[in-house]
Amino acid sequence: QRSTTVVVSKFPTEFSILGFSSINFNALELNEDRILKAIKGKTYTGAYIFQDIEKITGKPRVEESLATHAFLRLIKQVSISPRHELRISELQNL
């Protein structure tokens, strides 16, 4: 059975192998309104964004930056190397 959770990642195939619905950052930006409606209508239980954060800037890598209209709620941020952190956020309606 396919999950109703959507994962947004630079490497969406890594999550689809595990049975999650997954898309890349470009697909999220192009379909943000549809995804938010699906979350509101309970078609999806949630959308989670996985981003590589550069410690020096505190910002996501350029290819993982988002220009969304929604709010991102921080779930967890952990160090994964001396120069990078992994940030997991939940996409939420404003």
N, C-alpha and C. Protein backbone atom coordinates (compact mmCIF):
# COMPACT_ATOMS: atom_id res chain seq x y z
N GLN A 1 0.85 -1.19 0.00
CA GLN A 1 0.00 0.00 0.00
C GLN A 1 0.88 1.24 0.00
N ARG A 2 0.56 2.19 -0.84
CA ARG A 2 1.33 3.41 -0.98
C ARG A 2 1.02 4.38 0.17
N SER A 3 2.05 5.05 0.63
CA SER A 3 1.90 6.02 1.71
C SER A 3 1.18 7.27 1.22
N THR A 4 0.48 7.94 2.12
CA THR A 4 -0.17 9.21 1.79
C THR A 4 0.69 10.38 2.25
N THR A 5 1.92 10.11 2.61
CA THR A 5 2.88 11.14 2.97
C THR A 5 3.70 11.48 1.73
N VAL A 6 3.88 12.78 1.49
CA VAL A 6 4.71 13.23 0.37
C VAL A 6 6.05 13.69 0.92
N VAL A 7 7.12 13.22 0.30
CA VAL A 7 8.47 13.62 0.69
C VAL A 7 9.06 14.45 -0.44
N VAL A 8 9.64 15.60 -0.09
CA VAL A 8 10.29 16.48 -1.06
C VAL A 8 11.79 16.41 -0.79
N SER A 9 12.54 16.04 -1.82
CA SER A 9 13.97 15.83 -1.65
C SER A 9 14.69 16.05 -2.97
N LYS A 10 15.97 16.30 -2.88
CA LYS A 10 16.79 16.39 -4.08
C LYS A 10 16.86 15.02 -4.78
N PHE A 11 16.70 13.96 -4.01
CA PHE A 11 16.74 12.59 -4.52
C PHE A 11 15.44 11.85 -4.21
N PRO A 12 14.34 12.21 -4.88
CA PRO A 12 13.05 11.61 -4.53
C PRO A 12 12.96 10.10 -4.73
N THR A 13 13.77 9.56 -5.65
CA THR A 13 13.69 8.11 -5.87
C THR A 13 14.12 7.31 -4.64
N GLU A 14 14.97 7.89 -3.82
CA GLU A 14 15.40 7.22 -2.59
C GLU A 14 14.21 6.95 -1.67
N PHE A 15 13.23 7.83 -1.67
CA PHE A 15 12.07 7.68 -0.81
C PHE A 15 10.97 6.86 -1.48
N SER A 16 10.86 6.95 -2.79
CA SER A 16 9.83 6.17 -3.48
C SER A 16 10.12 4.68 -3.38
N ILE A 17 11.38 4.32 -3.32
CA ILE A 17 11.76 2.92 -3.12
C ILE A 17 11.19 2.40 -1.80
N LEU A 18 11.10 3.27 -0.82
CA LEU A 18 10.56 2.89 0.50
C LEU A 18 9.04 2.94 0.54
N GLY A 19 8.40 3.31 -0.56
CA GLY A 19 6.94 3.34 -0.62
C GLY A 19 6.31 4.69 -0.38
N PHE A 20 7.12 5.73 -0.23
CA PHE A 20 6.58 7.08 -0.04
C PHE A 20 6.33 7.74 -1.38
N SER A 21 5.31 8.57 -1.45
CA SER A 21 5.15 9.45 -2.60
C SER A 21 6.24 10.50 -2.46
N SER A 22 6.99 10.74 -3.52
CA SER A 22 8.10 11.68 -3.38
C SER A 22 8.29 12.47 -4.67
N ILE A 23 8.71 13.72 -4.47
CA ILE A 23 8.94 14.64 -5.58
C ILE A 23 10.19 15.46 -5.29
N ASN A 24 10.66 16.16 -6.32
CA ASN A 24 11.81 17.03 -6.12
C ASN A 24 11.33 18.46 -5.84
N PHE A 25 12.26 19.37 -5.61
CA PHE A 25 11.92 20.75 -5.25
C PHE A 25 11.19 21.49 -6.36
N ASN A 26 11.61 21.27 -7.60
CA ASN A 26 10.95 21.92 -8.72
C ASN A 26 9.49 21.48 -8.83
N ALA A 27 9.23 20.19 -8.65
CA ALA A 27 7.85 19.69 -8.72
C ALA A 27 7.00 20.28 -7.60
N LEU A 28 7.58 20.48 -6.42
CA LEU A 28 6.82 21.10 -5.33
C LEU A 28 6.42 22.52 -5.70
N GLU A 29 7.37 23.30 -6.22
CA GLU A 29 7.06 24.68 -6.56
C GLU A 29 6.00 24.77 -7.66
N LEU A 30 6.04 23.85 -8.62
CA LEU A 30 5.07 23.86 -9.71
C LEU A 30 3.68 23.39 -9.27
N ASN A 31 3.62 22.57 -8.21
CA ASN A 31 2.35 21.95 -7.79
C ASN A 31 1.97 22.28 -6.35
N GLU A 32 2.54 23.32 -5.81
CA GLU A 32 2.33 23.65 -4.39
C GLU A 32 0.85 23.78 -4.03
N ASP A 33 0.08 24.50 -4.84
CA ASP A 33 -1.34 24.69 -4.53
C ASP A 33 -2.09 23.37 -4.48
N ARG A 34 -1.81 22.49 -5.42
CA ARG A 34 -2.46 21.17 -5.44
C ARG A 34 -2.09 20.34 -4.23
N ILE A 35 -0.82 20.38 -3.86
CA ILE A 35 -0.36 19.60 -2.71
C ILE A 35 -0.98 20.13 -1.43
N LEU A 36 -1.04 21.45 -1.27
CA LEU A 36 -1.65 22.02 -0.07
C LEU A 36 -3.15 21.68 0.00
N LYS A 37 -3.84 21.70 -1.13
CA LYS A 37 -5.25 21.31 -1.16
C LYS A 37 -5.41 19.85 -0.79
N ALA A 38 -4.50 19.00 -1.25
CA ALA A 38 -4.56 17.57 -0.93
C ALA A 38 -4.32 17.32 0.56
N ILE A 39 -3.46 18.11 1.17
CA ILE A 39 -3.23 17.99 2.61
C ILE A 39 -4.46 18.46 3.37
N LYS A 40 -5.00 19.60 2.97
CA LYS A 40 -6.20 20.13 3.62
C LYS A 40 -7.38 19.17 3.48
N GLY A 41 -7.52 18.54 2.31
CA GLY A 41 -8.61 17.61 2.06
C GLY A 41 -8.34 16.20 2.56
N LYS A 42 -7.20 16.00 3.23
CA LYS A 42 -6.82 14.71 3.83
C LYS A 42 -6.46 13.63 2.81
N THR A 43 -6.24 14.02 1.54
CA THR A 43 -5.74 13.06 0.55
C THR A 43 -4.32 12.66 0.92
N TYR A 44 -3.53 13.65 1.35
CA TYR A 44 -2.19 13.41 1.89
C TYR A 44 -2.22 13.70 3.38
N THR A 45 -1.48 12.90 4.14
CA THR A 45 -1.40 13.15 5.58
C THR A 45 -0.37 14.23 5.90
N GLY A 46 0.52 14.50 4.96
CA GLY A 46 1.51 15.55 5.17
C GLY A 46 2.55 15.57 4.08
N ALA A 47 3.32 16.65 4.05
CA ALA A 47 4.43 16.79 3.10
C ALA A 47 5.65 17.22 3.90
N TYR A 48 6.72 16.47 3.75
CA TYR A 48 7.94 16.71 4.51
C TYR A 48 9.09 17.02 3.58
N ILE A 49 9.84 18.08 3.92
CA ILE A 49 10.91 18.58 3.07
C ILE A 49 12.25 18.21 3.71
N PHE A 50 13.13 17.56 2.95
CA PHE A 50 14.47 17.21 3.41
C PHE A 50 15.45 18.11 2.68
N GLN A 51 16.20 18.93 3.45
CA GLN A 51 17.13 19.88 2.85
C GLN A 51 18.52 19.75 3.45
N ASP A 52 19.53 19.92 2.61
CA ASP A 52 20.93 19.97 3.02
C ASP A 52 21.24 21.44 3.34
N ILE A 53 21.60 21.71 4.58
CA ILE A 53 21.85 23.08 5.04
C ILE A 53 23.35 23.31 5.17
N GLU A 54 23.84 24.37 4.57
CA GLU A 54 25.25 24.72 4.73
C GLU A 54 25.43 25.46 6.06
N LYS A 55 26.30 24.93 6.92
CA LYS A 55 26.47 25.52 8.25
C LYS A 55 26.97 26.97 8.19
N ILE A 56 27.81 27.29 7.23
CA ILE A 56 28.37 28.64 7.14
C ILE A 56 27.28 29.68 6.93
N THR A 57 26.32 29.39 6.06
CA THR A 57 25.26 30.35 5.75
C THR A 57 23.98 30.10 6.55
N GLY A 58 23.79 28.86 7.00
CA GLY A 58 22.55 28.51 7.68
C GLY A 58 21.38 28.37 6.71
N LYS A 59 21.69 28.32 5.42
CA LYS A 59 20.66 28.25 4.38
C LYS A 59 20.79 26.96 3.59
N PRO A 60 19.68 26.55 2.96
CA PRO A 60 19.76 25.36 2.09
C PRO A 60 20.66 25.62 0.89
N ARG A 61 21.17 24.52 0.33
CA ARG A 61 21.91 24.64 -0.91
C ARG A 61 20.99 25.28 -1.95
N VAL A 62 21.57 25.94 -2.94
CA VAL A 62 20.80 26.67 -3.95
C VAL A 62 19.75 25.78 -4.61
N GLU A 63 20.12 24.56 -4.99
CA GLU A 63 19.18 23.67 -5.68
C GLU A 63 18.10 23.12 -4.76
N GLU A 64 18.21 23.38 -3.45
CA GLU A 64 17.21 22.92 -2.49
C GLU A 64 16.46 24.07 -1.84
N SER A 65 16.65 25.28 -2.33
CA SER A 65 15.92 26.44 -1.81
C SER A 65 14.49 26.38 -2.33
N LEU A 66 13.58 26.93 -1.55
CA LEU A 66 12.17 26.93 -1.91
C LEU A 66 11.61 28.33 -1.95
N ALA A 67 10.73 28.57 -2.90
CA ALA A 67 9.99 29.82 -2.98
C ALA A 67 8.52 29.45 -2.83
N THR A 68 8.16 28.94 -1.66
CA THR A 68 6.78 28.50 -1.43
C THR A 68 5.98 29.61 -0.76
N HIS A 69 4.66 29.48 -0.88
CA HIS A 69 3.76 30.40 -0.21
C HIS A 69 3.33 29.83 1.13
N ALA A 70 3.68 28.60 1.38
CA ALA A 70 3.28 27.92 2.60
C ALA A 70 4.32 28.16 3.69
N PHE A 71 3.98 27.74 4.87
CA PHE A 71 4.85 27.84 6.03
C PHE A 71 5.56 26.51 6.21
N LEU A 72 6.86 26.53 6.50
CA LEU A 72 7.60 25.32 6.80
C LEU A 72 7.83 25.24 8.31
N ARG A 73 7.30 24.19 8.92
CA ARG A 73 7.49 23.97 10.36
C ARG A 73 8.67 23.03 10.55
N LEU A 74 9.68 23.49 11.27
CA LEU A 74 10.87 22.69 11.51
C LEU A 74 10.53 21.47 12.35
N ILE A 75 10.90 20.29 11.87
CA ILE A 75 10.73 19.06 12.62
C ILE A 75 12.03 18.70 13.32
N LYS A 76 13.14 18.71 12.56
CA LYS A 76 14.43 18.33 13.13
C LYS A 76 15.55 18.88 12.26
N GLN A 77 16.63 19.26 12.89
CA GLN A 77 17.84 19.67 12.16
C GLN A 77 19.03 19.08 12.89
N VAL A 78 19.84 18.29 12.18
CA VAL A 78 20.98 17.60 12.79
C VAL A 78 22.22 17.75 11.93
N SER A 79 23.36 17.73 12.57
CA SER A 79 24.64 17.81 11.87
C SER A 79 24.91 16.47 11.18
N ILE A 80 25.30 16.54 9.91
CA ILE A 80 25.63 15.31 9.17
C ILE A 80 27.08 15.30 8.70
N SER A 81 27.76 16.43 8.82
CA SER A 81 29.18 16.53 8.48
C SER A 81 29.69 17.84 9.10
N PRO A 82 31.00 18.06 9.06
CA PRO A 82 31.52 19.32 9.60
C PRO A 82 30.97 20.57 8.92
N ARG A 83 30.49 20.44 7.66
CA ARG A 83 30.02 21.61 6.91
C ARG A 83 28.53 21.61 6.61
N HIS A 84 27.82 20.51 6.93
CA HIS A 84 26.41 20.41 6.54
C HIS A 84 25.52 19.86 7.64
N GLU A 85 24.27 20.28 7.58
CA GLU A 85 23.22 19.77 8.47
C GLU A 85 22.07 19.28 7.61
N LEU A 86 21.29 18.37 8.14
CA LEU A 86 20.07 17.91 7.49
C LEU A 86 18.89 18.55 8.20
N ARG A 87 18.03 19.22 7.43
CA ARG A 87 16.84 19.86 7.98
C ARG A 87 15.61 19.13 7.44
N ILE A 88 14.72 18.75 8.35
CA ILE A 88 13.45 18.14 7.97
C ILE A 88 12.36 19.09 8.43
N SER A 89 11.53 19.52 7.48
CA SER A 89 10.44 20.45 7.78
C SER A 89 9.13 19.90 7.25
N GLU A 90 8.04 20.37 7.84
CA GLU A 90 6.71 19.98 7.38
C GLU A 90 6.05 21.16 6.67
N LEU A 91 5.52 20.91 5.49
CA LEU A 91 4.82 21.93 4.72
C LEU A 91 3.43 22.13 5.31
N GLN A 92 3.08 23.37 5.63
CA GLN A 92 1.78 23.66 6.23
C GLN A 92 1.15 24.87 5.55
N ASN A 93 -0.19 24.87 5.53
CA ASN A 93 -0.92 26.04 5.02
C ASN A 93 -0.72 27.21 5.97
N LEU A 94 -0.79 28.40 5.44
CA LEU A 94 -0.69 29.61 6.30
C LEU A 94 -1.96 29.83 7.07
